[in-house]
Structure formats: structure tokens, C-alpha cells
Amino acid sequence: QVQLVESGGGLVQPGGSLRLSCAASGSTLSLKIMGWYRQAPGKQRELVATIASGGRTNYADSVKGRFTISKDNAKNTLYLQMNSLKPEDTAVYYCNMWPGYWGQGTQVTVSS
């Protein structure tokens, strides 16, 4: 049974940084396409970034140059380093493992 557990969310001021983690169990992260998605209040869930099994990454235009997706295969953990955070980054962030496994989400709030 696949389980994804996110952590690292919180309240941060504009311009600040956070690192989200997603610990995977029940499946080998290194063999899967992994991704981070987010959902703001009243909006649909949207793609933030993905990383393929070989390490190729893809980012939403809104986060390019500010966010970095990475993974530690030995720890079976996915990360999202978020820098230069903006109020519009406020959302619940979800970890995803292809084809359709989701974590419970972690809240990120960017506010002064």
C-alpha cells in the first residue's frame, strides 16, 4: 500500500523560504514520476513541479527560478525547495506519485 506523507509547511513572510518533504512508503520513489501540486482556496489543484525517474524536471511558469524539486532515492523522499515566496504561493501543497497516489497535503501560507 502506497503512503505519502508531506511535512515542512508553515507560515512564512514574503521573500522567505520553505522546504517541503514527502516521505514515500510502499513503493520505490526512484522508479516513479513524482510531483508537487497545490490548491489555493476557491481554485483548482494545479501542477507545481514534476521529476521523472531519471531526474528530468518540469516546472510551472509561475515558480520557475524560485522552486526546486529534488529527491533522495536512498531515503525514498521527495523535496520541494521554495525560495522568494510570494503571497500568491499560499496553498495546500500535495505530493503525488504516478499514477494517482496523493499525500494528505501541507499548508503553506505566505503573509506578512
Foldseek 3Di string as FASTA:
>chain_A
DKAWAKDWADEAAQQAKIKMKIQIPPDQLLQWKKFKWWDDPPGDIGGAKIAHSVGDIDGDPVQPPFKDWDDDRVRSMIMIIGGRDDQVVFTWMWMATPPGDIHPTDTHGYHD
